[in-house]
C-alpha atoms as a PDB file:
ATOM      1  CA  MET A   1       0.000   0.000   0.000  1.00  0.00           C
ATOM      2  CA  PHE A   2       2.941   2.346   0.656  1.00  0.00           C
ATOM      3  CA  TYR A   3       4.827   2.433  -2.624  1.00  0.00           C
ATOM      4  CA  ASN A   4       8.631   2.446  -2.698  1.00  0.00           C
ATOM      5  CA  THR A   5       8.909   1.789   1.034  1.00  0.00           C
ATOM      6  CA  GLY A   6       9.277  -1.194   3.322  1.00  0.00           C
ATOM      7  CA  ILE A   7       6.480   0.041   5.598  1.00  0.00           C
ATOM      8  CA  ALA A   8       4.169  -2.706   6.812  1.00  0.00           C
ATOM      9  CA  THR A   9       0.412  -2.194   6.455  1.00  0.00           C
ATOM     10  CA  TYR A  10      -2.033  -2.651   9.324  1.00  0.00           C
ATOM     11  CA  VAL A  11      -5.785  -2.437   8.809  1.00  0.00           C
ATOM     12  CA  TRP A  12      -7.647  -1.332  11.927  1.00  0.00           C
ATOM     13  CA  VAL A  13     -11.365  -1.950  12.342  1.00  0.00           C
ATOM     14  CA  LEU A  14     -12.643   0.341  15.099  1.00  0.00           C
ATOM     15  CA  THR A  15     -16.217   0.849  16.285  1.00  0.00           C
ATOM     16  CA  ASN A  16     -18.112   1.882  19.406  1.00  0.00           C
ATOM     17  CA  ARG A  17     -21.021  -0.367  18.396  1.00  0.00           C
ATOM     18  CA  LYS A  18     -19.475  -3.793  18.908  1.00  0.00           C
ATOM     19  CA  PRO A  19     -21.844  -6.757  19.099  1.00  0.00           C
ATOM     20  CA  PRO A  20     -21.950  -8.358  22.558  1.00  0.00           C
ATOM     21  CA  HIS A  21     -19.658 -11.270  21.651  1.00  0.00           C
ATOM     22  CA  ARG A  22     -16.885  -8.835  20.614  1.00  0.00           C
ATOM     23  CA  GLN A  23     -17.156  -6.389  23.507  1.00  0.00           C
ATOM     24  CA  GLY A  24     -14.033  -6.197  25.642  1.00  0.00           C
ATOM     25  CA  ARG A  25     -12.101  -8.348  23.158  1.00  0.00           C
ATOM     26  CA  VAL A  26      -9.659  -7.722  20.310  1.00  0.00           C
ATOM     27  CA  GLN A  27      -9.152  -9.921  17.264  1.00  0.00           C
ATOM     28  CA  LEU A  28      -5.771  -9.972  15.500  1.00  0.00           C
ATOM     29  CA  ILE A  29      -5.527 -11.380  11.972  1.00  0.00           C
ATOM     30  CA  ASP A  30      -2.203 -12.245  10.361  1.00  0.00           C
ATOM     31  CA  ALA A  31      -2.681 -11.907   6.594  1.00  0.00           C
ATOM     32  CA  THR A  32       0.984 -11.489   5.694  1.00  0.00           C
ATOM     33  CA  ASN A  33       0.976 -14.683   3.598  1.00  0.00           C
ATOM     34  CA  TRP A  34      -2.232 -13.880   1.719  1.00  0.00           C
ATOM     35  CA  TYR A  35      -1.233 -12.124  -1.482  1.00  0.00           C
ATOM     36  CA  LYS A  36      -0.438 -12.636  -5.128  1.00  0.00           C
ATOM     37  CA  PRO A  37       2.798 -11.520  -6.835  1.00  0.00           C
ATOM     38  CA  LEU A  38       2.694  -8.697  -9.353  1.00  0.00           C
ATOM     39  CA  ARG A  39       3.739  -9.449 -12.901  1.00  0.00           C
ATOM     40  CA  LYS A  40       5.941  -6.336 -12.781  1.00  0.00           C
ATOM     41  CA  ASN A  41       7.263  -4.705  -9.641  1.00  0.00           C
ATOM     42  CA  LEU A  42       6.166  -1.153  -8.818  1.00  0.00           C
ATOM     43  CA  GLY A  43       9.271   0.132  -7.071  1.00  0.00           C
ATOM     44  CA  LYS A  44       9.584  -1.988  -3.935  1.00  0.00           C
ATOM     45  CA  LYS A  45       6.013  -3.170  -4.261  1.00  0.00           C
ATOM     46  CA  ASN A  46       6.014  -6.724  -5.635  1.00  0.00           C
ATOM     47  CA  CYS A  47       2.653  -8.129  -4.522  1.00  0.00           C
ATOM     48  CA  GLU A  48      -0.974  -7.208  -3.970  1.00  0.00           C
ATOM     49  CA  LEU A  49      -4.161  -8.518  -2.384  1.00  0.00           C
ATOM     50  CA  SER A  50      -6.335 -10.443  -4.767  1.00  0.00           C
ATOM     51  CA  GLU A  51     -10.112 -10.534  -4.484  1.00  0.00           C
ATOM     52  CA  GLU A  52      -9.772 -14.012  -2.943  1.00  0.00           C
ATOM     53  CA  ASP A  53      -7.310 -12.705  -0.356  1.00  0.00           C
ATOM     54  CA  ILE A  54      -9.599  -9.826   0.578  1.00  0.00           C
ATOM     55  CA  GLN A  55     -12.514 -12.231   0.931  1.00  0.00           C
ATOM     56  CA  LYS A  56     -10.411 -14.546   3.102  1.00  0.00           C
ATOM     57  CA  ILE A  57      -9.570 -11.636   5.454  1.00  0.00           C
ATOM     58  CA  CYS A  58     -13.236 -10.636   5.666  1.00  0.00           C
ATOM     59  CA  ASP A  59     -14.367 -14.204   6.311  1.00  0.00           C
ATOM     60  CA  THR A  60     -11.766 -14.644   9.062  1.00  0.00           C
ATOM     61  CA  PHE A  61     -12.857 -11.383  10.648  1.00  0.00           C
ATOM     62  CA  LEU A  62     -16.566 -12.236  10.563  1.00  0.00           C
ATOM     63  CA  ALA A  63     -16.030 -15.788  11.851  1.00  0.00           C
ATOM     64  CA  PHE A  64     -14.360 -14.394  14.993  1.00  0.00           C
ATOM     65  CA  GLU A  65     -12.695 -17.725  15.782  1.00  0.00           C
ATOM     66  CA  GLU A  66      -9.158 -18.604  16.765  1.00  0.00           C
ATOM     67  CA  ASP A  67      -6.897 -20.434  14.360  1.00  0.00           C
ATOM     68  CA  GLU A  68      -3.383 -20.161  12.927  1.00  0.00           C
ATOM     69  CA  HIS A  69      -4.124 -16.733  11.436  1.00  0.00           C
ATOM     70  CA  SER A  70      -6.636 -15.374  13.963  1.00  0.00           C
ATOM     71  CA  LYS A  71      -6.036 -14.681  17.661  1.00  0.00           C
ATOM     72  CA  ILE A  72      -8.544 -13.253  20.140  1.00  0.00           C
ATOM     73  CA  PHE A  73      -7.553 -11.501  23.360  1.00  0.00           C
ATOM     74  CA  PRO A  74      -9.227  -9.533  26.148  1.00  0.00           C
ATOM     75  CA  ASN A  75      -8.452  -5.794  25.977  1.00  0.00           C
ATOM     76  CA  ALA A  76      -6.283  -5.978  29.092  1.00  0.00           C
ATOM     77  CA  ALA A  77      -3.922  -8.485  27.437  1.00  0.00           C
ATOM     78  CA  PHE A  78      -2.261  -5.604  25.585  1.00  0.00           C
ATOM     79  CA  GLY A  79      -2.069  -3.294  28.608  1.00  0.00           C
ATOM     80  CA  TYR A  80       0.764  -2.738  31.050  1.00  0.00           C
ATOM     81  CA  GLN A  81       1.720  -0.478  33.895  1.00  0.00           C
ATOM     82  CA  LYS A  82       5.090   1.216  33.734  1.00  0.00           C
ATOM     83  CA  VAL A  83       6.331   1.388  37.314  1.00  0.00           C
ATOM     84  CA  ARG A  84       9.201   3.533  38.545  1.00  0.00           C
ATOM     85  CA  VAL A  85      11.476   1.673  40.940  1.00  0.00           C
ATOM     86  CA  GLU A  86      13.350   3.842  43.396  1.00  0.00           C
ATOM     87  CA  ARG A  87      16.248   3.064  45.697  1.00  0.00           C
ATOM     88  CA  PRO A  88      17.532   5.201  48.557  1.00  0.00           C
ATOM     89  CA  LEU A  89      20.304   7.739  48.164  1.00  0.00           C
ATOM     90  CA  ARG A  90      23.263   6.731  50.337  1.00  0.00           C
ATOM     91  CA  LEU A  91      25.853   9.393  51.085  1.00  0.00           C
ATOM     92  CA  ALA A  92      29.045   9.606  53.062  1.00  0.00           C
ATOM     93  CA  SER A  93      30.267  13.038  54.168  1.00  0.00           C
ATOM     94  CA  GLN A  94      33.535  14.529  55.358  1.00  0.00           C
ATOM     95  CA  LEU A  95      34.668  18.121  55.825  1.00  0.00           C
ATOM     96  CA  SER A  96      38.104  17.463  54.391  1.00  0.00           C
ATOM     97  CA  LYS A  97      40.398  20.326  53.353  1.00  0.00           C
ATOM     98  CA  LYS A  98      40.378  19.148  49.746  1.00  0.00           C
ATOM     99  CA  ALA A  99      36.576  19.107  49.559  1.00  0.00           C
ATOM    100  CA  ILE A 100      36.288  22.512  51.214  1.00  0.00           C
ATOM    101  CA  ASN A 101      38.881  24.050  48.879  1.00  0.00           C
ATOM    102  CA  SER A 102      36.811  22.922  45.885  1.00  0.00           C
ATOM    103  CA  LEU A 103      34.216  25.482  47.013  1.00  0.00           C
ATOM    104  CA  ARG A 104      36.526  28.227  45.715  1.00  0.00           C
ATOM    105  CA  PHE A 105      34.925  27.604  42.335  1.00  0.00           C
ATOM    106  CA  ALA A 106      31.379  26.785  43.438  1.00  0.00           C
ATOM    107  CA  SER A 107      29.854  29.581  41.318  1.00  0.00           C
ATOM    108  CA  GLY A 108      30.455  27.591  38.135  1.00  0.00           C
ATOM    109  CA  ASP A 109      32.969  27.483  35.271  1.00  0.00           C
ATOM    110  CA  GLU A 110      35.301  25.561  37.556  1.00  0.00           C
ATOM    111  CA  ALA A 111      38.017  24.904  34.963  1.00  0.00           C
ATOM    112  CA  ILE A 112      38.241  28.590  33.982  1.00  0.00           C
ATOM    113  CA  ARG A 113      38.115  29.861  37.565  1.00  0.00           C
ATOM    114  CA  SER A 114      40.817  27.389  38.527  1.00  0.00           C
ATOM    115  CA  GLU A 115      43.146  28.755  35.830  1.00  0.00           C
ATOM    116  CA  LEU A 116      42.382  32.340  36.838  1.00  0.00           C
ATOM    117  CA  TYR A 117      43.126  31.451  40.454  1.00  0.00           C
ATOM    118  CA  ASP A 118      46.468  29.930  39.430  1.00  0.00           C
ATOM    119  CA  ALA A 119      47.320  33.191  37.684  1.00  0.00           C
ATOM    120  CA  LEU A 120      46.040  35.701  40.261  1.00  0.00           C
ATOM    121  CA  GLY A 121      46.021  33.804  43.569  1.00  0.00           C
ATOM    122  CA  GLU A 122      44.209  34.642  46.783  1.00  0.00           C
ATOM    123  CA  ASP A 123      43.733  38.298  45.798  1.00  0.00           C
ATOM    124  CA  LEU A 124      40.703  37.194  43.807  1.00  0.00           C
ATOM    125  CA  PHE A 125      38.985  36.466  47.109  1.00  0.00           C
ATOM    126  CA  GLU A 126      40.739  38.841  49.525  1.00  0.00           C
ATOM    127  CA  ASP A 127      41.563  41.979  47.481  1.00  0.00           C
ATOM    128  CA  PHE A 128      39.564  41.885  44.247  1.00  0.00           C
ATOM    129  CA  ARG A 129      40.342  45.484  43.223  1.00  0.00           C
ATOM    130  CA  LYS A 130      44.043  44.737  43.234  1.00  0.00           C
ATOM    131  CA  VAL A 131      43.693  42.162  40.451  1.00  0.00           C
ATOM    132  CA  GLN A 132      40.568  43.474  38.713  1.00  0.00           C
ATOM    133  CA  THR A 133      42.366  45.045  35.743  1.00  0.00           C
ATOM    134  CA  ARG A 134      44.493  41.965  35.137  1.00  0.00           C
ATOM    135  CA  LEU A 135      41.417  39.742  35.513  1.00  0.00           C
ATOM    136  CA  GLU A 136      39.586  41.760  32.844  1.00  0.00           C
ATOM    137  CA  GLN A 137      42.534  41.358  30.487  1.00  0.00           C
ATOM    138  CA  LEU A 138      42.673  37.604  31.014  1.00  0.00           C
ATOM    139  CA  VAL A 139      38.917  37.144  30.606  1.00  0.00           C
ATOM    140  CA  ASN A 140      38.598  39.387  27.541  1.00  0.00           C
ATOM    141  CA  THR A 141      41.521  37.725  25.761  1.00  0.00           C
ATOM    142  CA  TRP A 142      40.613  34.192  26.807  1.00  0.00           C
ATOM    143  CA  GLY A 143      41.392  31.775  24.012  1.00  0.00           C
ATOM    144  CA  GLU A 144      43.712  34.092  22.100  1.00  0.00           C
ATOM    145  CA  ALA A 145      47.294  33.022  21.431  1.00  0.00           C
ATOM    146  CA  SER A 146      49.932  34.583  23.656  1.00  0.00           C
ATOM    147  CA  ASP A 147      53.212  36.016  22.297  1.00  0.00           C
ATOM    148  CA  ASP A 148      55.101  32.755  22.695  1.00  0.00           C
ATOM    149  CA  GLU A 149      52.309  30.501  21.430  1.00  0.00           C
ATOM    150  CA  ALA A 150      51.723  29.592  17.818  1.00  0.00           C
ATOM    151  CA  GLU A 151      48.174  28.321  18.261  1.00  0.00           C
ATOM    152  CA  LYS A 152      45.073  29.312  20.173  1.00  0.00           C
ATOM    153  CA  THR A 153      44.635  27.832  23.620  1.00  0.00           C
ATOM    154  CA  GLY A 154      40.879  27.721  23.399  1.00  0.00           C
ATOM    155  CA  SER A 155      37.764  29.567  22.234  1.00  0.00           C
ATOM    156  CA  ALA A 156      36.586  33.017  23.305  1.00  0.00           C
ATOM    157  CA  LEU A 157      34.206  33.156  26.248  1.00  0.00           C
ATOM    158  CA  PRO A 158      30.491  34.004  25.869  1.00  0.00           C
ATOM    159  CA  GLU A 159      29.530  37.449  27.170  1.00  0.00           C
ATOM    160  CA  LYS A 160      27.350  35.917  29.879  1.00  0.00           C
ATOM    161  CA  THR A 161      30.308  33.889  31.193  1.00  0.00           C
ATOM    162  CA  LYS A 162      32.602  36.922  31.059  1.00  0.00           C
ATOM    163  CA  LYS A 163      30.127  39.006  33.040  1.00  0.00           C
ATOM    164  CA  LYS A 164      29.905  36.346  35.722  1.00  0.00           C
ATOM    165  CA  LEU A 165      33.675  35.910  35.987  1.00  0.00           C
ATOM    166  CA  LEU A 166      34.175  39.677  36.313  1.00  0.00           C
ATOM    167  CA  ASP A 167      31.526  40.008  39.007  1.00  0.00           C
ATOM    168  CA  PRO A 168      33.307  40.348  42.387  1.00  0.00           C
ATOM    169  CA  ALA A 169      30.166  39.047  44.139  1.00  0.00           C
ATOM    170  CA  THR A 170      30.718  35.557  42.718  1.00  0.00           C
ATOM    171  CA  TRP A 171      34.268  35.412  44.087  1.00  0.00           C
ATOM    172  CA  GLU A 172      33.105  36.831  47.428  1.00  0.00           C
ATOM    173  CA  ARG A 173      30.359  34.243  47.594  1.00  0.00           C
ATOM    174  CA  ASP A 174      32.793  31.371  46.967  1.00  0.00           C
ATOM    175  CA  ALA A 175      35.207  32.736  49.568  1.00  0.00           C
ATOM    176  CA  TYR A 176      32.326  32.940  52.044  1.00  0.00           C
ATOM    177  CA  LEU A 177      31.438  29.293  51.399  1.00  0.00           C
ATOM    178  CA  VAL A 178      35.027  28.246  52.090  1.00  0.00           C
ATOM    179  CA  THR A 179      35.167  30.342  55.271  1.00  0.00           C
ATOM    180  CA  THR A 180      31.835  28.955  56.500  1.00  0.00           C
ATOM    181  CA  ALA A 181      32.780  25.329  55.767  1.00  0.00           C
ATOM    182  CA  ASN A 182      36.088  25.777  57.608  1.00  0.00           C
ATOM    183  CA  ALA A 183      34.275  27.302  60.609  1.00  0.00           C
ATOM    184  CA  VAL A 184      31.921  24.304  60.754  1.00  0.00           C
ATOM    185  CA  ARG A 185      34.885  21.970  60.378  1.00  0.00           C
ATOM    186  CA  ASP A 186      36.566  23.592  63.369  1.00  0.00           C
ATOM    187  CA  LEU A 187      33.486  22.743  65.448  1.00  0.00           C
ATOM    188  CA  ILE A 188      32.591  19.216  64.324  1.00  0.00           C
ATOM    189  CA  GLY A 189      35.950  18.080  62.978  1.00  0.00           C
ATOM    190  CA  GLU A 190      36.829  16.345  59.718  1.00  0.00           C
ATOM    191  CA  GLY A 191      35.796  12.846  60.698  1.00  0.00           C
ATOM    192  CA  LEU A 192      34.095  10.584  58.162  1.00  0.00           C
ATOM    193  CA  TYR A 193      30.306  10.318  58.412  1.00  0.00           C
ATOM    194  CA  THR A 194      28.801   7.154  56.932  1.00  0.00           C
ATOM    195  CA  ASP A 195      25.354   8.362  58.015  1.00  0.00           C
ATOM    196  CA  HIS A 196      24.537  11.533  56.113  1.00  0.00           C
ATOM    197  CA  ASN A 197      21.564  12.160  58.397  1.00  0.00           C
ATOM    198  CA  LEU A 198      23.892  12.537  61.402  1.00  0.00           C
ATOM    199  CA  PHE A 199      26.141  14.821  59.365  1.00  0.00           C
ATOM    200  CA  LEU A 200      23.192  17.076  58.495  1.00  0.00           C
ATOM    201  CA  ASP A 201      22.166  17.260  62.161  1.00  0.00           C
ATOM    202  CA  ASP A 202      25.703  18.206  63.235  1.00  0.00           C
ATOM    203  CA  PHE A 203      26.071  20.642  60.331  1.00  0.00           C
ATOM    204  CA  GLU A 204      22.832  22.452  61.234  1.00  0.00           C
ATOM    205  CA  ALA A 205      23.762  22.523  64.920  1.00  0.00           C
ATOM    206  CA  ALA A 206      27.159  24.046  64.058  1.00  0.00           C
ATOM    207  CA  LEU A 207      25.579  26.750  61.887  1.00  0.00           C
ATOM    208  CA  GLN A 208      23.202  27.610  64.707  1.00  0.00           C
ATOM    209  CA  LYS A 209      26.035  27.783  67.224  1.00  0.00           C
ATOM    210  CA  LEU A 210      28.066  29.993  64.881  1.00  0.00           C
ATOM    211  CA  ASP A 211      24.972  32.136  64.246  1.00  0.00           C
ATOM    212  CA  ILE A 212      25.382  31.674  60.480  1.00  0.00           C
ATOM    213  CA  LYS A 213      22.342  31.744  58.238  1.00  0.00           C
ATOM    214  CA  LEU A 214      22.924  30.247  54.816  1.00  0.00           C
ATOM    215  CA  SER A 215      20.591  30.396  51.846  1.00  0.00           C
ATOM    216  CA  ALA A 216      19.275  27.059  50.634  1.00  0.00           C
ATOM    217  CA  THR A 217      21.514  27.334  47.555  1.00  0.00           C
ATOM    218  CA  ASP A 218      24.694  28.003  49.552  1.00  0.00           C
ATOM    219  CA  LYS A 219      23.912  25.266  52.039  1.00  0.00           C
ATOM    220  CA  LYS A 220      23.348  22.791  49.214  1.00  0.00           C
ATOM    221  CA  ALA A 221      26.654  23.814  47.599  1.00  0.00           C
ATOM    222  CA  ILE A 222      28.636  23.073  50.767  1.00  0.00           C
ATOM    223  CA  ILE A 223      26.856  19.777  51.447  1.00  0.00           C
ATOM    224  CA  GLN A 224      27.332  18.557  47.870  1.00  0.00           C
ATOM    225  CA  ALA A 225      31.018  19.488  47.929  1.00  0.00           C
ATOM    226  CA  VAL A 226      31.748  17.396  51.024  1.00  0.00           C
ATOM    227  CA  SER A 227      29.466  14.422  50.272  1.00  0.00           C
ATOM    228  CA  TRP A 228      29.578  11.503  47.832  1.00  0.00           C
ATOM    229  CA  ARG A 229      27.641   8.357  47.042  1.00  0.00           C
ATOM    230  CA  ASP A 230      28.596   5.311  49.105  1.00  0.00           C
ATOM    231  CA  GLU A 231      26.644   2.059  48.760  1.00  0.00           C
ATOM    232  CA  ASN A 232      27.634   1.080  52.300  1.00  0.00           C
ATOM    233  CA  ALA A 233      26.356   4.316  53.876  1.00  0.00           C
ATOM    234  CA  ALA A 234      23.001   4.726  55.608  1.00  0.00           C
ATOM    235  CA  PRO A 235      20.026   5.846  53.475  1.00  0.00           C
ATOM    236  CA  VAL A 236      19.355   9.590  53.456  1.00  0.00           C
ATOM    237  CA  ILE A 237      16.036  10.398  55.139  1.00  0.00           C
ATOM    238  CA  LYS A 238      13.770  12.731  53.172  1.00  0.00           C
ATOM    239  CA  LYS A 239      10.855  12.883  55.596  1.00  0.00           C
ATOM    240  CA  ALA A 240      10.181  11.453  59.041  1.00  0.00           C
ATOM    241  CA  TYR A 241       6.695  10.975  60.483  1.00  0.00           C
ATOM    242  CA  LYS A 242       6.218  11.206  64.208  1.00  0.00           C
ATOM    243  CA  PRO A 243       5.191   7.975  65.972  1.00  0.00           C
ATOM    244  CA  GLY A 244       1.585   7.111  65.160  1.00  0.00           C
ATOM    245  CA  LYS A 245       1.247   9.628  62.321  1.00  0.00           C
ATOM    246  CA  ALA A 246       1.830   7.181  59.441  1.00  0.00           C
ATOM    247  CA  GLU A 247       1.849   3.457  58.767  1.00  0.00           C
ATOM    248  CA  ALA A 248       4.906   1.666  57.413  1.00  0.00           C
ATOM    249  CA  ASP A 249       4.562   0.298  53.873  1.00  0.00           C
ATOM    250  CA  PRO A 250       8.010  -0.617  52.473  1.00  0.00           C
ATOM    251  CA  LEU A 251       6.550  -1.547  49.085  1.00  0.00           C
ATOM    252  CA  TYR A 252       5.572   2.088  48.547  1.00  0.00           C
ATOM    253  CA  GLY A 253       8.498   3.777  50.235  1.00  0.00           C
ATOM    254  CA  ARG A 254       7.512   4.096  53.904  1.00  0.00           C
ATOM    255  CA  PHE A 255       9.956   2.343  56.202  1.00  0.00           C
ATOM    256  CA  GLU A 256       9.938   1.875  59.959  1.00  0.00           C
ATOM    257  CA  VAL A 257      13.205   2.847  61.690  1.00  0.00           C
ATOM    258  CA  MET A 258      14.361   3.708  65.190  1.00  0.00           C
ATOM    259  CA  LEU A 259      15.267   7.362  65.749  1.00  0.00           C
ATOM    260  CA  ASP A 260      16.276   8.585  69.192  1.00  0.00           C
ATOM    261  CA  GLY A 261      15.075   5.286  70.601  1.00  0.00           C
ATOM    262  CA  LYS A 262      11.567   5.680  69.150  1.00  0.00           C
ATOM    263  CA  PRO A 263       9.924   3.955  66.149  1.00  0.00           C
ATOM    264  CA  TYR A 264       9.447   6.385  63.265  1.00  0.00           C
ATOM    265  CA  VAL A 265       8.112   5.909  59.761  1.00  0.00           C
ATOM    266  CA  VAL A 266      10.406   7.553  57.218  1.00  0.00           C
ATOM    267  CA  GLU A 267      10.638   8.205  53.497  1.00  0.00           C
ATOM    268  CA  TYR A 268      14.081   8.071  51.928  1.00  0.00           C
ATOM    269  CA  GLU A 269      15.598  10.415  49.368  1.00  0.00           C
ATOM    270  CA  PRO A 270      15.628   8.526  46.032  1.00  0.00           C
ATOM    271  CA  ASP A 271      18.895   8.120  44.126  1.00  0.00           C
ATOM    272  CA  SER A 272      18.286   9.139  40.505  1.00  0.00           C
ATOM    273  CA  ASP A 273      21.363   7.173  39.390  1.00  0.00           C
ATOM    274  CA  LEU A 274      19.808   3.928  40.646  1.00  0.00           C
ATOM    275  CA  ARG A 275      16.319   4.643  39.306  1.00  0.00           C
ATOM    276  CA  ASP A 276      14.816   1.924  37.115  1.00  0.00           C
ATOM    277  CA  TYR A 277      11.521   1.049  35.448  1.00  0.00           C
ATOM    278  CA  GLU A 278       9.489  -2.144  35.191  1.00  0.00           C
ATOM    279  CA  GLN A 279       6.734  -2.854  32.656  1.00  0.00           C
ATOM    280  CA  ILE A 280       4.114  -5.034  34.348  1.00  0.00           C
ATOM    281  CA  PRO A 281       1.213  -6.591  32.367  1.00  0.00           C
ATOM    282  CA  LEU A 282      -2.285  -5.622  33.477  1.00  0.00           C
ATOM    283  CA  LEU A 283      -3.101  -9.323  33.628  1.00  0.00           C
ATOM    284  CA  GLU A 284      -0.175 -10.051  35.962  1.00  0.00           C
ATOM    285  CA  LYS A 285      -1.447 -12.459  38.597  1.00  0.00           C
ATOM    286  CA  GLY A 286      -1.374 -10.642  41.924  1.00  0.00           C
ATOM    287  CA  GLY A 287      -0.783  -7.314  40.184  1.00  0.00           C
ATOM    288  CA  ILE A 288       2.109  -4.951  40.825  1.00  0.00           C
ATOM    289  CA  PRO A 289       2.835  -6.114  44.407  1.00  0.00           C
ATOM    290  CA  ALA A 290       3.237  -9.770  43.391  1.00  0.00           C
ATOM    291  CA  PHE A 291       5.490  -8.899  40.460  1.00  0.00           C
ATOM    292  CA  PHE A 292       7.601  -6.542  42.584  1.00  0.00           C
ATOM    293  CA  GLU A 293       8.092  -9.050  45.372  1.00  0.00           C
ATOM    294  CA  ARG A 294       9.015 -11.801  42.920  1.00  0.00           C
ATOM    295  CA  GLU A 295      11.158  -9.938  40.358  1.00  0.00           C
ATOM    296  CA  VAL A 296      12.634  -6.939  42.169  1.00  0.00           C
ATOM    297  CA  LEU A 297      12.951  -7.293  45.941  1.00  0.00           C
ATOM    298  CA  PRO A 298      15.068 -10.487  45.885  1.00  0.00           C
ATOM    299  CA  TYR A 299      17.763  -8.514  44.054  1.00  0.00           C
ATOM    300  CA  VAL A 300      17.363  -5.011  45.559  1.00  0.00           C
ATOM    301  CA  PRO A 301      15.610  -5.376  48.926  1.00  0.00           C
ATOM    302  CA  ASP A 302      15.758  -1.631  49.657  1.00  0.00           C
ATOM    303  CA  ALA A 303      13.714  -0.709  46.549  1.00  0.00           C
ATOM    304  CA  TRP A 304      10.214   0.748  46.531  1.00  0.00           C
ATOM    305  CA  ILE A 305       7.538   1.847  44.045  1.00  0.00           C
ATOM    306  CA  ASP A 306       6.870   5.514  43.305  1.00  0.00           C
ATOM    307  CA  THR A 307       3.100   5.337  42.784  1.00  0.00           C
ATOM    308  CA  ALA A 308       2.884   8.930  41.542  1.00  0.00           C
ATOM    309  CA  ALA A 309       5.024   7.987  38.522  1.00  0.00           C
ATOM    310  CA  THR A 310       3.075   4.857  37.517  1.00  0.00           C
ATOM    311  CA  LYS A 311       1.659   5.077  33.988  1.00  0.00           C
ATOM    312  CA  THR A 312      -0.664   2.773  32.063  1.00  0.00           C
ATOM    313  CA  GLY A 313      -0.045   1.995  28.406  1.00  0.00           C
ATOM    314  CA  TYR A 314      -0.979  -0.440  25.661  1.00  0.00           C
ATOM    315  CA  GLU A 315       0.995  -2.026  22.841  1.00  0.00           C
ATOM    316  CA  ILE A 316       0.237  -4.630  20.205  1.00  0.00           C
ATOM    317  CA  SER A 317       3.094  -6.714  18.832  1.00  0.00           C
ATOM    318  CA  PHE A 318       2.050  -8.981  15.969  1.00  0.00           C
ATOM    319  CA  THR A 319       5.467 -10.636  15.999  1.00  0.00           C
ATOM    320  CA  ARG A 320       4.926 -11.765  19.579  1.00  0.00           C
ATOM    321  CA  TYR A 321       1.514 -13.321  18.949  1.00  0.00           C
ATOM    322  CA  PHE A 322       2.200 -14.895  15.547  1.00  0.00           C
ATOM    323  CA  TYR A 323       5.850 -15.820  15.958  1.00  0.00           C
ATOM    324  CA  LYS A 324       6.799 -19.168  14.467  1.00  0.00           C
ATOM    325  CA  PRO A 325      10.222 -20.465  15.535  1.00  0.00           C
ATOM    326  CA  GLN A 326      12.395 -21.630  12.685  1.00  0.00           C
ATOM    327  CA  GLN A 327      12.814 -25.387  12.692  1.00  0.00           C
ATOM    328  CA  LEU A 328      16.353 -26.457  13.533  1.00  0.00           C
ATOM    329  CA  ARG A 329      18.318 -28.348  10.922  1.00  0.00           C
ATOM    330  CA  PRO A 330      18.951 -32.067  11.585  1.00  0.00           C
ATOM    331  CA  LEU A 331      22.314 -32.880  13.186  1.00  0.00           C
ATOM    332  CA  SER A 332      23.168 -35.171  10.297  1.00  0.00           C
ATOM    333  CA  GLU A 333      22.825 -32.279   7.844  1.00  0.00           C
ATOM    334  CA  ILE A 334      24.970 -29.970   9.990  1.00  0.00           C
ATOM    335  CA  ARG A 335      27.613 -32.707  10.357  1.00  0.00           C
ATOM    336  CA  ALA A 336      27.693 -33.217   6.602  1.00  0.00           C
ATOM    337  CA  ASP A 337      28.283 -29.486   6.047  1.00  0.00           C
ATOM    338  CA  ILE A 338      31.165 -29.451   8.543  1.00  0.00           C
ATOM    339  CA  LEU A 339      32.838 -32.456   6.894  1.00  0.00           C
ATOM    340  CA  ALA A 340      32.435 -30.821   3.469  1.00  0.00           C
ATOM    341  CA  LEU A 341      34.127 -27.654   4.741  1.00  0.00           C
ATOM    342  CA  GLU A 342      36.983 -29.703   6.175  1.00  0.00           C
ATOM    343  CA  ARG A 343      37.533 -31.374   2.793  1.00  0.00           C
ATOM    344  CA  GLU A 344      37.516 -27.988   1.010  1.00  0.00           C
ATOM    345  CA  THR A 345      40.133 -26.510   3.348  1.00  0.00           C
ATOM    346  CA  GLU A 346      42.501 -29.507   3.313  1.00  0.00           C
ATOM    347  CA  GLY A 347      46.011 -28.355   2.488  1.00  0.00           C
ATOM    348  CA  LEU A 348      44.959 -24.668   2.567  1.00  0.00           C
ATOM    349  CA  LEU A 349      47.125 -23.902   5.614  1.00  0.00           C
ATOM    350  CA  ASP A 350      50.156 -25.511   3.964  1.00  0.00           C
ATOM    351  CA  GLN A 351      49.634 -23.396   0.853  1.00  0.00           C
ATOM    352  CA  ILE A 352      49.458 -20.208   2.911  1.00  0.00           C
ATOM    353  CA  LEU A 353      52.619 -21.067   4.851  1.00  0.00           C
ATOM    354  CA  ASN A 354      54.515 -21.840   1.610  1.00  0.00           C
ATOM    355  CA  LEU A 355      53.573 -18.398   0.258  1.00  0.00           C
ATOM    356  CA  ILE A 356      54.959 -16.567   3.308  1.00  0.00           C
END
């Protein structure tokens, strides 16, 4: 039907006036072998439906019976639920000098800021006016070849990036983050935290004791700089319900834990790097819970289902329903082919070696 293409043709018969025996059911007809060849190809088109073939399709449709070319399914057989599987974010944290020093370039363009810092030093943070003129020269000529270079070192910077690099507020902000992180480090030390929740508690307590109020963005920058994923660390708690305020349901992300000696129900922060999806048939026996407990939890026992992200979809795959496996060749035939190949290649290796 689609000339000069390899596009397959599907004929859909749709109606909202189905007779009772068809309601809630779908009939699939495989008519791929019902055709007659054309006497002369029309591009890639080399066959067509004859009147007999068309009648055969109509008769199969009207009969509404199952056979080799006709399959009948309930509507739900083609449906599935796409479920998002979450796992908890696990972070370790440490206020190390190296991690804190990385905050010097927290305002972005880390590679460029690092090079500018190598050229201009601490004055960028402590005495910006002293190096402002030189900074402007470096930023405005970024990417141009120097006197002793034959080639360019890089490309010119966009105006937006230049404006940000020349803004003293960005350097002041990064210096403030370093100063704040060091002040917190002086209070709580640089020990390794394998429970990020304890680190957050100590971090907040230190800020309160130092009478420092950070914006959410600055606080996040410091925490991200000194934390990293660790599969052996404790899960990061996103929300904790007071005792009696919520029921535990691990399948849907509510876990019971002990906090301060009391049983709490908590929700964990999901780790986007570990996020996965499962496609579960609507006709799955036992539904989503049964599938999840059988196919997911044995392998990742800390996983849960994000119900808000569950979506329902439908797909029809003719290949799946009308697939016919190719019959394997007899062993005797395969053996005969191998022996024939051996006879053909006899002496071939000797010939090759004599040519070398």
